[in-house]
Amino acid sequence: MDTLLIIDMLPTYGLLCYLLVSICVTLAFRWLAHACEDRRRLRFAVITLLIGSLSVALLAGCVYTIAMPYAQPDMVDFYRTYRPATFVFLTGLFCVQSVFGIIAVQTSLKRHTS
C-alpha cells in the first residue's frame, strides 16, 4: 500500500521539486548579480544554471508522463486532466528564470559600466 502512495504522488513530487529548483535558481541570479565582478563569468554562471534548470524541468516532465499511468485509476484521470497545464507550468517557470537571468546580467553590466 505504501508503494502505491509513492507512485500516486510521484508526478506531484516532480513538480514540487522543480518549483524548489526554480526558486533557488532565481535567488542565485540575484546573488550573482551583486557578487560577480567579471561579466564573462556571470554570463557563464547564468547559462550554466539555466541549462541545469532546464534539465530538471525535462526530468520533472518525464517523471510526470512516465509515472502517470501507474497511479491509481482516479489519480490517472486527475493527472491526465492537468497534463497540458503541467507543461505550461514547467515552461512558465523556466521562462521566469530566463528573464531573471537576463535582468541579472544587465543589472551587473549597468553597475560596472557606470
PDB file of N, CA and C in Angstrom:
ATOM      1  N   MET A   1       0.813  -1.189   0.000  1.00  0.00           N
ATOM      2  CA  MET A   1       0.000   0.000   0.000  1.00  0.00           C
ATOM      3  C   MET A   1       0.859   1.257   0.000  1.00  0.00           C
ATOM      4  N   ASP A   2       2.003   1.241   0.693  1.00  0.00           N
ATOM      5  CA  ASP A   2       2.867   2.407   0.737  1.00  0.00           C
ATOM      6  C   ASP A   2       3.462   2.718  -0.630  1.00  0.00           C
ATOM      7  N   THR A   3       3.779   1.686  -1.405  1.00  0.00           N
ATOM      8  CA  THR A   3       4.354   1.934  -2.726  1.00  0.00           C
ATOM      9  C   THR A   3       3.339   2.581  -3.651  1.00  0.00           C
ATOM     10  N   LEU A   4       2.060   2.238  -3.501  1.00  0.00           N
ATOM     11  CA  LEU A   4       1.040   2.866  -4.328  1.00  0.00           C
ATOM     12  C   LEU A   4       0.960   4.361  -4.040  1.00  0.00           C
ATOM     13  N   LEU A   5       1.066   4.745  -2.777  1.00  0.00           N
ATOM     14  CA  LEU A   5       1.013   6.153  -2.429  1.00  0.00           C
ATOM     15  C   LEU A   5       2.197   6.901  -3.033  1.00  0.00           C
ATOM     16  N   ILE A   6       3.367   6.292  -3.020  1.00  0.00           N
ATOM     17  CA  ILE A   6       4.549   6.934  -3.603  1.00  0.00           C
ATOM     18  C   ILE A   6       4.363   7.100  -5.104  1.00  0.00           C
ATOM     19  N   ILE A   7       3.869   6.092  -5.778  1.00  0.00           N
ATOM     20  CA  ILE A   7       3.664   6.186  -7.227  1.00  0.00           C
ATOM     21  C   ILE A   7       2.550   7.182  -7.537  1.00  0.00           C
ATOM     22  N   ASP A   8       1.519   7.221  -6.696  1.00  0.00           N
ATOM     23  CA  ASP A   8       0.443   8.176  -6.915  1.00  0.00           C
ATOM     24  C   ASP A   8       0.940   9.616  -6.819  1.00  0.00           C
ATOM     25  N   MET A   9       1.859   9.862  -5.940  1.00  0.00           N
ATOM     26  CA  MET A   9       2.315  11.230  -5.706  1.00  0.00           C
ATOM     27  C   MET A   9       3.590  11.593  -6.467  1.00  0.00           C
ATOM     28  N   LEU A  10       4.203  10.654  -7.150  1.00  0.00           N
ATOM     29  CA  LEU A  10       5.465  10.915  -7.841  1.00  0.00           C
ATOM     30  C   LEU A  10       5.380  12.063  -8.844  1.00  0.00           C
ATOM     31  N   PRO A  11       4.343  12.159  -9.669  1.00  0.00           N
ATOM     32  CA  PRO A  11       4.264  13.315 -10.570  1.00  0.00           C
ATOM     33  C   PRO A  11       4.194  14.649  -9.822  1.00  0.00           C
ATOM     34  N   THR A  12       3.482  14.669  -8.722  1.00  0.00           N
ATOM     35  CA  THR A  12       3.386  15.886  -7.921  1.00  0.00           C
ATOM     36  C   THR A  12       4.728  16.218  -7.282  1.00  0.00           C
ATOM     37  N   TYR A  13       5.432  15.206  -6.809  1.00  0.00           N
ATOM     38  CA  TYR A  13       6.755  15.439  -6.219  1.00  0.00           C
ATOM     39  C   TYR A  13       7.720  16.014  -7.249  1.00  0.00           C
ATOM     40  N   GLY A  14       7.634  15.551  -8.490  1.00  0.00           N
ATOM     41  CA  GLY A  14       8.488  16.102  -9.544  1.00  0.00           C
ATOM     42  C   GLY A  14       8.222  17.573  -9.774  1.00  0.00           C
ATOM     43  N   LEU A  15       6.952  17.955  -9.784  1.00  0.00           N
ATOM     44  CA  LEU A  15       6.603  19.368  -9.976  1.00  0.00           C
ATOM     45  C   LEU A  15       7.040  20.221  -8.791  1.00  0.00           C
ATOM     46  N   LEU A  16       6.864  19.713  -7.592  1.00  0.00           N
ATOM     47  CA  LEU A  16       7.307  20.460  -6.413  1.00  0.00           C
ATOM     48  C   LEU A  16       8.824  20.592  -6.382  1.00  0.00           C
ATOM     49  N   CYS A  17       9.519  19.562  -6.804  1.00  0.00           N
ATOM     50  CA  CYS A  17      10.979  19.620  -6.880  1.00  0.00           C
ATOM     51  C   CYS A  17      11.414  20.710  -7.844  1.00  0.00           C
ATOM     52  N   TYR A  18      10.763  20.790  -9.002  1.00  0.00           N
ATOM     53  CA  TYR A  18      11.148  21.820  -9.962  1.00  0.00           C
ATOM     54  C   TYR A  18      10.783  23.215  -9.468  1.00  0.00           C
ATOM     55  N   LEU A  19       9.704  23.345  -8.731  1.00  0.00           N
ATOM     56  CA  LEU A  19       9.371  24.636  -8.144  1.00  0.00           C
ATOM     57  C   LEU A  19      10.454  25.078  -7.175  1.00  0.00           C
ATOM     58  N   LEU A  20      10.955  24.160  -6.360  1.00  0.00           N
ATOM     59  CA  LEU A  20      12.035  24.470  -5.433  1.00  0.00           C
ATOM     60  C   LEU A  20      13.317  24.840  -6.182  1.00  0.00           C
ATOM     61  N   VAL A  21      13.638  24.099  -7.235  1.00  0.00           N
ATOM     62  CA  VAL A  21      14.818  24.411  -8.049  1.00  0.00           C
ATOM     63  C   VAL A  21      14.672  25.789  -8.675  1.00  0.00           C
ATOM     64  N   SER A  22      13.485  26.128  -9.142  1.00  0.00           N
ATOM     65  CA  SER A  22      13.247  27.427  -9.764  1.00  0.00           C
ATOM     66  C   SER A  22      13.466  28.562  -8.779  1.00  0.00           C
ATOM     67  N   ILE A  23      12.975  28.393  -7.575  1.00  0.00           N
ATOM     68  CA  ILE A  23      13.161  29.431  -6.556  1.00  0.00           C
ATOM     69  C   ILE A  23      14.638  29.596  -6.243  1.00  0.00           C
ATOM     70  N   CYS A  24      15.350  28.492  -6.087  1.00  0.00           N
ATOM     71  CA  CYS A  24      16.791  28.563  -5.781  1.00  0.00           C
ATOM     72  C   CYS A  24      17.581  29.204  -6.915  1.00  0.00           C
ATOM     73  N   VAL A  25      17.265  28.865  -8.150  1.00  0.00           N
ATOM     74  CA  VAL A  25      17.975  29.435  -9.301  1.00  0.00           C
ATOM     75  C   VAL A  25      17.703  30.932  -9.406  1.00  0.00           C
ATOM     76  N   THR A  26      16.462  31.337  -9.196  1.00  0.00           N
ATOM     77  CA  THR A  26      16.119  32.755  -9.255  1.00  0.00           C
ATOM     78  C   THR A  26      16.849  33.534  -8.161  1.00  0.00           C
ATOM     79  N   LEU A  27      16.910  32.986  -6.972  1.00  0.00           N
ATOM     80  CA  LEU A  27      17.658  33.642  -5.895  1.00  0.00           C
ATOM     81  C   LEU A  27      19.157  33.660  -6.185  1.00  0.00           C
ATOM     82  N   ALA A  28      19.657  32.626  -6.825  1.00  0.00           N
ATOM     83  CA  ALA A  28      21.082  32.585  -7.187  1.00  0.00           C
ATOM     84  C   ALA A  28      21.405  33.677  -8.203  1.00  0.00           C
ATOM     85  N   PHE A  29      20.489  33.946  -9.129  1.00  0.00           N
ATOM     86  CA  PHE A  29      20.722  35.027 -10.088  1.00  0.00           C
ATOM     87  C   PHE A  29      20.827  36.368  -9.374  1.00  0.00           C
ATOM     88  N   ARG A  30      19.981  36.584  -8.420  1.00  0.00           N
ATOM     89  CA  ARG A  30      20.025  37.842  -7.665  1.00  0.00           C
ATOM     90  C   ARG A  30      21.357  37.974  -6.920  1.00  0.00           C
ATOM     91  N   TRP A  31      21.787  36.889  -6.315  1.00  0.00           N
ATOM     92  CA  TRP A  31      23.049  36.914  -5.584  1.00  0.00           C
ATOM     93  C   TRP A  31      24.222  37.107  -6.543  1.00  0.00           C
ATOM     94  N   LEU A  32      24.203  36.416  -7.677  1.00  0.00           N
ATOM     95  CA  LEU A  32      25.288  36.527  -8.654  1.00  0.00           C
ATOM     96  C   LEU A  32      25.405  37.935  -9.228  1.00  0.00           C
ATOM     97  N   ALA A  33      24.283  38.596  -9.416  1.00  0.00           N
ATOM     98  CA  ALA A  33      24.309  39.953  -9.968  1.00  0.00           C
ATOM     99  C   ALA A  33      25.071  40.902  -9.051  1.00  0.00           C
ATOM    100  N   HIS A  34      25.014  40.658  -7.757  1.00  0.00           N
ATOM    101  CA  HIS A  34      25.713  41.521  -6.805  1.00  0.00           C
ATOM    102  C   HIS A  34      27.134  41.053  -6.521  1.00  0.00           C
ATOM    103  N   ALA A  35      27.373  39.759  -6.608  1.00  0.00           N
ATOM    104  CA  ALA A  35      28.655  39.213  -6.181  1.00  0.00           C
ATOM    105  C   ALA A  35      29.688  39.085  -7.299  1.00  0.00           C
ATOM    106  N   CYS A  36      29.251  38.901  -8.517  1.00  0.00           N
ATOM    107  CA  CYS A  36      30.183  38.606  -9.602  1.00  0.00           C
ATOM    108  C   CYS A  36      30.697  39.902 -10.233  1.00  0.00           C
ATOM    109  N   GLU A  37      32.001  40.016 -10.320  1.00  0.00           N
ATOM    110  CA  GLU A  37      32.629  41.200 -10.892  1.00  0.00           C
ATOM    111  C   GLU A  37      32.885  41.059 -12.392  1.00  0.00           C
ATOM    112  N   ASP A  38      33.162  39.848 -12.820  1.00  0.00           N
ATOM    113  CA  ASP A  38      33.518  39.605 -14.214  1.00  0.00           C
ATOM    114  C   ASP A  38      32.267  39.300 -15.030  1.00  0.00           C
ATOM    115  N   ARG A  39      32.112  40.016 -16.134  1.00  0.00           N
ATOM    116  CA  ARG A  39      30.925  39.866 -16.979  1.00  0.00           C
ATOM    117  C   ARG A  39      30.866  38.482 -17.615  1.00  0.00           C
ATOM    118  N   ARG A  40      32.000  37.958 -18.063  1.00  0.00           N
ATOM    119  CA  ARG A  40      32.014  36.638 -18.707  1.00  0.00           C
ATOM    120  C   ARG A  40      31.658  35.529 -17.724  1.00  0.00           C
ATOM    121  N   ARG A  41      32.185  35.637 -16.520  1.00  0.00           N
ATOM    122  CA  ARG A  41      31.853  34.636 -15.502  1.00  0.00           C
ATOM    123  C   ARG A  41      30.366  34.665 -15.168  1.00  0.00           C
ATOM    124  N   LEU A  42      29.824  35.868 -15.092  1.00  0.00           N
ATOM    125  CA  LEU A  42      28.403  35.987 -14.786  1.00  0.00           C
ATOM    126  C   LEU A  42      27.555  35.366 -15.893  1.00  0.00           C
ATOM    127  N   ARG A  43      27.878  35.652 -17.134  1.00  0.00           N
ATOM    128  CA  ARG A  43      27.134  35.050 -18.243  1.00  0.00           C
ATOM    129  C   ARG A  43      27.260  33.531 -18.224  1.00  0.00           C
ATOM    130  N   PHE A  44      28.476  33.040 -17.998  1.00  0.00           N
ATOM    131  CA  PHE A  44      28.695  31.595 -17.940  1.00  0.00           C
ATOM    132  C   PHE A  44      27.878  30.973 -16.806  1.00  0.00           C
ATOM    133  N   ALA A  45      27.866  31.628 -15.640  1.00  0.00           N
ATOM    134  CA  ALA A  45      27.109  31.097 -14.492  1.00  0.00           C
ATOM    135  C   ALA A  45      25.613  31.088 -14.780  1.00  0.00           C
ATOM    136  N   VAL A  46      25.121  32.154 -15.404  1.00  0.00           N
ATOM    137  CA  VAL A  46      23.695  32.226 -15.720  1.00  0.00           C
ATOM    138  C   VAL A  46      23.318  31.139 -16.723  1.00  0.00           C
ATOM    139  N   ILE A  47      24.114  30.980 -17.761  1.00  0.00           N
ATOM    140  CA  ILE A  47      23.824  29.957 -18.773  1.00  0.00           C
ATOM    141  C   ILE A  47      23.899  28.559 -18.160  1.00  0.00           C
ATOM    142  N   THR A  48      24.885  28.327 -17.332  1.00  0.00           N
ATOM    143  CA  THR A  48      25.032  27.020 -16.683  1.00  0.00           C
ATOM    144  C   THR A  48      23.833  26.711 -15.780  1.00  0.00           C
ATOM    145  N   LEU A  49      23.416  27.696 -14.995  1.00  0.00           N
ATOM    146  CA  LEU A  49      22.259  27.480 -14.133  1.00  0.00           C
ATOM    147  C   LEU A  49      20.986  27.251 -14.941  1.00  0.00           C
ATOM    148  N   LEU A  50      20.843  27.961 -16.044  1.00  0.00           N
ATOM    149  CA  LEU A  50      19.661  27.754 -16.881  1.00  0.00           C
ATOM    150  C   LEU A  50      19.665  26.377 -17.542  1.00  0.00           C
ATOM    151  N   ILE A  51      20.822  25.909 -17.955  1.00  0.00           N
ATOM    152  CA  ILE A  51      20.905  24.563 -18.541  1.00  0.00           C
ATOM    153  C   ILE A  51      20.576  23.507 -17.482  1.00  0.00           C
ATOM    154  N   GLY A  52      21.107  23.692 -16.280  1.00  0.00           N
ATOM    155  CA  GLY A  52      20.785  22.766 -15.194  1.00  0.00           C
ATOM    156  C   GLY A  52      19.307  22.779 -14.849  1.00  0.00           C
ATOM    157  N   SER A  53      18.732  23.964 -14.824  1.00  0.00           N
ATOM    158  CA  SER A  53      17.309  24.084 -14.535  1.00  0.00           C
ATOM    159  C   SER A  53      16.464  23.453 -15.640  1.00  0.00           C
ATOM    160  N   LEU A  54      16.867  23.640 -16.880  1.00  0.00           N
ATOM    161  CA  LEU A  54      16.137  23.031 -17.989  1.00  0.00           C
ATOM    162  C   LEU A  54      16.182  21.516 -17.904  1.00  0.00           C
ATOM    163  N   SER A  55      17.329  20.967 -17.512  1.00  0.00           N
ATOM    164  CA  SER A  55      17.416  19.510 -17.393  1.00  0.00           C
ATOM    165  C   SER A  55      16.517  18.994 -16.270  1.00  0.00           C
ATOM    166  N   VAL A  56      16.399  19.738 -15.181  1.00  0.00           N
ATOM    167  CA  VAL A  56      15.494  19.333 -14.101  1.00  0.00           C
ATOM    168  C   VAL A  56      14.040  19.449 -14.560  1.00  0.00           C
ATOM    169  N   ALA A  57      13.728  20.475 -15.356  1.00  0.00           N
ATOM    170  CA  ALA A  57      12.365  20.619 -15.889  1.00  0.00           C
ATOM    171  C   ALA A  57      12.018  19.446 -16.809  1.00  0.00           C
ATOM    172  N   LEU A  58      12.961  19.072 -17.649  1.00  0.00           N
ATOM    173  CA  LEU A  58      12.717  17.924 -18.529  1.00  0.00           C
ATOM    174  C   LEU A  58      12.545  16.644 -17.729  1.00  0.00           C
ATOM    175  N   LEU A  59      13.340  16.480 -16.689  1.00  0.00           N
ATOM    176  CA  LEU A  59      13.207  15.312 -15.824  1.00  0.00           C
ATOM    177  C   LEU A  59      11.846  15.301 -15.129  1.00  0.00           C
ATOM    178  N   ALA A  60      11.406  16.453 -14.638  1.00  0.00           N
ATOM    179  CA  ALA A  60      10.093  16.530 -13.979  1.00  0.00           C
ATOM    180  C   ALA A  60       8.975  16.211 -14.974  1.00  0.00           C
ATOM    181  N   GLY A  61       9.106  16.700 -16.199  1.00  0.00           N
ATOM    182  CA  GLY A  61       8.106  16.388 -17.224  1.00  0.00           C
ATOM    183  C   GLY A  61       8.092  14.910 -17.566  1.00  0.00           C
ATOM    184  N   CYS A  62       9.267  14.310 -17.659  1.00  0.00           N
ATOM    185  CA  CYS A  62       9.346  12.866 -17.938  1.00  0.00           C
ATOM    186  C   CYS A  62       8.769  12.044 -16.791  1.00  0.00           C
ATOM    187  N   VAL A  63       9.078  12.441 -15.559  1.00  0.00           N
ATOM    188  CA  VAL A  63       8.531  11.727 -14.400  1.00  0.00           C
ATOM    189  C   VAL A  63       7.016  11.826 -14.409  1.00  0.00           C
ATOM    190  N   TYR A  64       6.490  12.992 -14.716  1.00  0.00           N
ATOM    191  CA  TYR A  64       5.037  13.165 -14.771  1.00  0.00           C
ATOM    192  C   TYR A  64       4.426  12.243 -15.820  1.00  0.00           C
ATOM    193  N   THR A  65       5.022  12.216 -16.990  1.00  0.00           N
ATOM    194  CA  THR A  65       4.473  11.417 -18.083  1.00  0.00           C
ATOM    195  C   THR A  65       4.636   9.921 -17.843  1.00  0.00           C
ATOM    196  N   ILE A  66       5.775   9.514 -17.313  1.00  0.00           N
ATOM    197  CA  ILE A  66       6.045   8.086 -17.129  1.00  0.00           C
ATOM    198  C   ILE A  66       5.290   7.510 -15.930  1.00  0.00           C
ATOM    199  N   ALA A  67       5.238   8.238 -14.825  1.00  0.00           N
ATOM    200  CA  ALA A  67       4.609   7.694 -13.613  1.00  0.00           C
ATOM    201  C   ALA A  67       3.094   7.797 -13.640  1.00  0.00           C
ATOM    202  N   MET A  68       2.561   8.660 -14.480  1.00  0.00           N
ATOM    203  CA  MET A  68       1.119   8.886 -14.508  1.00  0.00           C
ATOM    204  C   MET A  68       0.309   7.604 -14.740  1.00  0.00           C
ATOM    205  N   PRO A  69       0.641   6.748 -15.711  1.00  0.00           N
ATOM    206  CA  PRO A  69      -0.205   5.563 -15.943  1.00  0.00           C
ATOM    207  C   PRO A  69      -0.176   4.533 -14.821  1.00  0.00           C
ATOM    208  N   TYR A  70       0.825   4.602 -13.947  1.00  0.00           N
ATOM    209  CA  TYR A  70       0.959   3.603 -12.889  1.00  0.00           C
ATOM    210  C   TYR A  70       0.251   4.002 -11.604  1.00  0.00           C
ATOM    211  N   ALA A  71      -0.347   5.169 -11.574  1.00  0.00           N
ATOM    212  CA  ALA A  71      -1.083   5.600 -10.389  1.00  0.00           C
ATOM    213  C   ALA A  71      -2.433   4.900 -10.340  1.00  0.00           C
ATOM    214  N   GLN A  72      -3.143   5.082  -9.257  1.00  0.00           N
ATOM    215  CA  GLN A  72      -4.478   4.518  -9.136  1.00  0.00           C
ATOM    216  C   GLN A  72      -5.395   5.170 -10.166  1.00  0.00           C
ATOM    217  N   PRO A  73      -6.453   4.478 -10.585  1.00  0.00           N
ATOM    218  CA  PRO A  73      -7.292   4.985 -11.684  1.00  0.00           C
ATOM    219  C   PRO A  73      -7.829   6.398 -11.489  1.00  0.00           C
ATOM    220  N   ASP A  74      -8.261   6.747 -10.286  1.00  0.00           N
ATOM    221  CA  ASP A  74      -8.777   8.101 -10.097  1.00  0.00           C
ATOM    222  C   ASP A  74      -7.667   9.138 -10.204  1.00  0.00           C
ATOM    223  N   MET A  75      -6.453   8.784  -9.790  1.00  0.00           N
ATOM    224  CA  MET A  75      -5.321   9.710  -9.912  1.00  0.00           C
ATOM    225  C   MET A  75      -4.870   9.818 -11.363  1.00  0.00           C
ATOM    226  N   VAL A  76      -4.962   8.741 -12.123  1.00  0.00           N
ATOM    227  CA  VAL A  76      -4.595   8.784 -13.538  1.00  0.00           C
ATOM    228  C   VAL A  76      -5.484   9.780 -14.268  1.00  0.00           C
ATOM    229  N   ASP A  77      -6.781   9.748 -13.979  1.00  0.00           N
ATOM    230  CA  ASP A  77      -7.689  10.719 -14.604  1.00  0.00           C
ATOM    231  C   ASP A  77      -7.337  12.149 -14.203  1.00  0.00           C
ATOM    232  N   PHE A  78      -7.000  12.329 -12.936  1.00  0.00           N
ATOM    233  CA  PHE A  78      -6.607  13.652 -12.453  1.00  0.00           C
ATOM    234  C   PHE A  78      -5.361  14.142 -13.181  1.00  0.00           C
ATOM    235  N   TYR A  79      -4.335  13.293 -13.277  1.00  0.00           N
ATOM    236  CA  TYR A  79      -3.088  13.684 -13.920  1.00  0.00           C
ATOM    237  C   TYR A  79      -3.270  13.898 -15.423  1.00  0.00           C
ATOM    238  N   ARG A  80      -4.127  13.119 -16.060  1.00  0.00           N
ATOM    239  CA  ARG A  80      -4.397  13.322 -17.494  1.00  0.00           C
ATOM    240  C   ARG A  80      -5.098  14.654 -17.729  1.00  0.00           C
ATOM    241  N   THR A  81      -5.978  15.009 -16.838  1.00  0.00           N
ATOM    242  CA  THR A  81      -6.697  16.276 -16.971  1.00  0.00           C
ATOM    243  C   THR A  81      -5.738  17.457 -16.907  1.00  0.00           C
ATOM    244  N   TYR A  82      -4.757  17.393 -16.030  1.00  0.00           N
ATOM    245  CA  TYR A  82      -3.851  18.514 -15.811  1.00  0.00           C
ATOM    246  C   TYR A  82      -2.524  18.391 -16.551  1.00  0.00           C
ATOM    247  N   ARG A  83      -2.401  17.422 -17.440  1.00  0.00           N
ATOM    248  CA  ARG A  83      -1.151  17.259 -18.181  1.00  0.00           C
ATOM    249  C   ARG A  83      -0.789  18.509 -18.995  1.00  0.00           C
ATOM    250  N   PRO A  84      -1.705  19.116 -19.760  1.00  0.00           N
ATOM    251  CA  PRO A  84      -1.318  20.330 -20.504  1.00  0.00           C
ATOM    252  C   PRO A  84      -0.901  21.474 -19.574  1.00  0.00           C
ATOM    253  N   ALA A  85      -1.611  21.624 -18.460  1.00  0.00           N
ATOM    254  CA  ALA A  85      -1.265  22.682 -17.509  1.00  0.00           C
ATOM    255  C   ALA A  85       0.095  22.435 -16.875  1.00  0.00           C
ATOM    256  N   THR A  86       0.456  21.179 -16.722  1.00  0.00           N
ATOM    257  CA  THR A  86       1.755  20.843 -16.135  1.00  0.00           C
ATOM    258  C   THR A  86       2.895  21.347 -17.007  1.00  0.00           C
ATOM    259  N   PHE A  87       2.786  21.126 -18.294  1.00  0.00           N
ATOM    260  CA  PHE A  87       3.867  21.561 -19.180  1.00  0.00           C
ATOM    261  C   PHE A  87       3.875  23.077 -19.359  1.00  0.00           C
ATOM    262  N   VAL A  88       2.721  23.710 -19.238  1.00  0.00           N
ATOM    263  CA  VAL A  88       2.677  25.178 -19.221  1.00  0.00           C
ATOM    264  C   VAL A  88       3.348  25.689 -17.947  1.00  0.00           C
ATOM    265  N   PHE A  89       3.098  25.015 -16.828  1.00  0.00           N
ATOM    266  CA  PHE A  89       3.719  25.371 -15.550  1.00  0.00           C
ATOM    267  C   PHE A  89       5.240  25.263 -15.630  1.00  0.00           C
ATOM    268  N   LEU A  90       5.741  24.155 -16.151  1.00  0.00           N
ATOM    269  CA  LEU A  90       7.188  23.956 -16.264  1.00  0.00           C
ATOM    270  C   LEU A  90       7.812  24.981 -17.204  1.00  0.00           C
ATOM    271  N   THR A  91       7.170  25.217 -18.338  1.00  0.00           N
ATOM    272  CA  THR A  91       7.689  26.183 -19.301  1.00  0.00           C
ATOM    273  C   THR A  91       7.645  27.595 -18.726  1.00  0.00           C
ATOM    274  N   GLY A  92       6.571  27.922 -18.036  1.00  0.00           N
ATOM    275  CA  GLY A  92       6.453  29.248 -17.427  1.00  0.00           C
ATOM    276  C   GLY A  92       7.525  29.505 -16.389  1.00  0.00           C
ATOM    277  N   LEU A  93       7.782  28.523 -15.541  1.00  0.00           N
ATOM    278  CA  LEU A  93       8.840  28.693 -14.540  1.00  0.00           C
ATOM    279  C   LEU A  93      10.200  28.877 -15.195  1.00  0.00           C
ATOM    280  N   PHE A  94      10.456  28.128 -16.260  1.00  0.00           N
ATOM    281  CA  PHE A  94      11.742  28.284 -16.940  1.00  0.00           C
ATOM    282  C   PHE A  94      11.846  29.666 -17.589  1.00  0.00           C
ATOM    283  N   CYS A  95      10.758  30.154 -18.160  1.00  0.00           N
ATOM    284  CA  CYS A  95      10.777  31.488 -18.777  1.00  0.00           C
ATOM    285  C   CYS A  95      11.017  32.577 -17.727  1.00  0.00           C
ATOM    286  N   VAL A  96      10.395  32.440 -16.567  1.00  0.00           N
ATOM    287  CA  VAL A  96      10.616  33.408 -15.490  1.00  0.00           C
ATOM    288  C   VAL A  96      12.075  33.394 -15.071  1.00  0.00           C
ATOM    289  N   GLN A  97      12.670  32.208 -14.958  1.00  0.00           N
ATOM    290  CA  GLN A  97      14.086  32.121 -14.605  1.00  0.00           C
ATOM    291  C   GLN A  97      14.960  32.777 -15.667  1.00  0.00           C
ATOM    292  N   SER A  98      14.626  32.563 -16.925  1.00  0.00           N
ATOM    293  CA  SER A  98      15.401  33.161 -18.013  1.00  0.00           C
ATOM    294  C   SER A  98      15.348  34.675 -17.946  1.00  0.00           C
ATOM    295  N   VAL A  99      14.171  35.217 -17.664  1.00  0.00           N
ATOM    296  CA  VAL A  99      14.037  36.671 -17.553  1.00  0.00           C
ATOM    297  C   VAL A  99      14.873  37.189 -16.387  1.00  0.00           C
ATOM    298  N   PHE A 100      14.823  36.511 -15.252  1.00  0.00           N
ATOM    299  CA  PHE A 100      15.628  36.936 -14.109  1.00  0.00           C
ATOM    300  C   PHE A 100      17.119  36.807 -14.391  1.00  0.00           C
ATOM    301  N   GLY A 101      17.510  35.807 -15.160  1.00  0.00           N
ATOM    302  CA  GLY A 101      18.917  35.679 -15.547  1.00  0.00           C
ATOM    303  C   GLY A 101      19.364  36.824 -16.433  1.00  0.00           C
ATOM    304  N   ILE A 102      18.538  37.200 -17.394  1.00  0.00           N
ATOM    305  CA  ILE A 102      18.866  38.330 -18.276  1.00  0.00           C
ATOM    306  C   ILE A 102      18.924  39.620 -17.481  1.00  0.00           C
ATOM    307  N   ILE A 103      17.982  39.807 -16.566  1.00  0.00           N
ATOM    308  CA  ILE A 103      17.994  41.007 -15.724  1.00  0.00           C
ATOM    309  C   ILE A 103      19.248  41.048 -14.863  1.00  0.00           C
ATOM    310  N   ALA A 104      19.668  39.903 -14.347  1.00  0.00           N
ATOM    311  CA  ALA A 104      20.881  39.856 -13.517  1.00  0.00           C
ATOM    312  C   ALA A 104      22.103  40.269 -14.322  1.00  0.00           C
ATOM    313  N   VAL A 105      22.215  39.790 -15.559  1.00  0.00           N
ATOM    314  CA  VAL A 105      23.367  40.152 -16.400  1.00  0.00           C
ATOM    315  C   VAL A 105      23.318  41.634 -16.741  1.00  0.00           C
ATOM    316  N   GLN A 106      22.159  42.153 -17.109  1.00  0.00           N
ATOM    317  CA  GLN A 106      22.056  43.557 -17.475  1.00  0.00           C
ATOM    318  C   GLN A 106      22.274  44.470 -16.278  1.00  0.00           C
ATOM    319  N   THR A 107      21.784  44.095 -15.120  1.00  0.00           N
ATOM    320  CA  THR A 107      21.989  44.889 -13.907  1.00  0.00           C
ATOM    321  C   THR A 107      23.470  44.952 -13.563  1.00  0.00           C
ATOM    322  N   SER A 108      24.135  43.836 -13.694  1.00  0.00           N
ATOM    323  CA  SER A 108      25.569  43.785 -13.408  1.00  0.00           C
ATOM    324  C   SER A 108      26.345  44.647 -14.404  1.00  0.00           C
ATOM    325  N   LEU A 109      25.955  44.614 -15.670  1.00  0.00           N
ATOM    326  CA  LEU A 109      26.636  45.408 -16.677  1.00  0.00           C
ATOM    327  C   LEU A 109      26.441  46.900 -16.406  1.00  0.00           C
ATOM    328  N   LYS A 110      25.238  47.304 -16.060  1.00  0.00           N
ATOM    329  CA  LYS A 110      24.973  48.721 -15.781  1.00  0.00           C
ATOM    330  C   LYS A 110      25.745  49.193 -14.556  1.00  0.00           C
ATOM    331  N   ARG A 111      25.821  48.345 -13.558  1.00  0.00           N
ATOM    332  CA  ARG A 111      26.501  48.716 -12.316  1.00  0.00           C
ATOM    333  C   ARG A 111      28.000  48.854 -12.539  1.00  0.00           C
ATOM    334  N   HIS A 112      28.587  48.002 -13.359  1.00  0.00           N
ATOM    335  CA  HIS A 112      30.039  48.025 -13.563  1.00  0.00           C
ATOM    336  C   HIS A 112      30.465  49.048 -14.603  1.00  0.00           C
ATOM    337  N   THR A 113      29.575  49.444 -15.506  1.00  0.00           N
ATOM    338  CA  THR A 113      29.970  50.438 -16.519  1.00  0.00           C
ATOM    339  C   THR A 113      29.803  51.851 -16.015  1.00  0.00           C
ATOM    340  N   SER A 114      28.958  52.049 -15.024  1.00  0.00           N
ATOM    341  CA  SER A 114      28.786  53.420 -14.527  1.00  0.00           C
ATOM    342  C   SER A 114      29.626  53.711 -13.316  1.00  0.00           C
TER     343      SER A 114
END
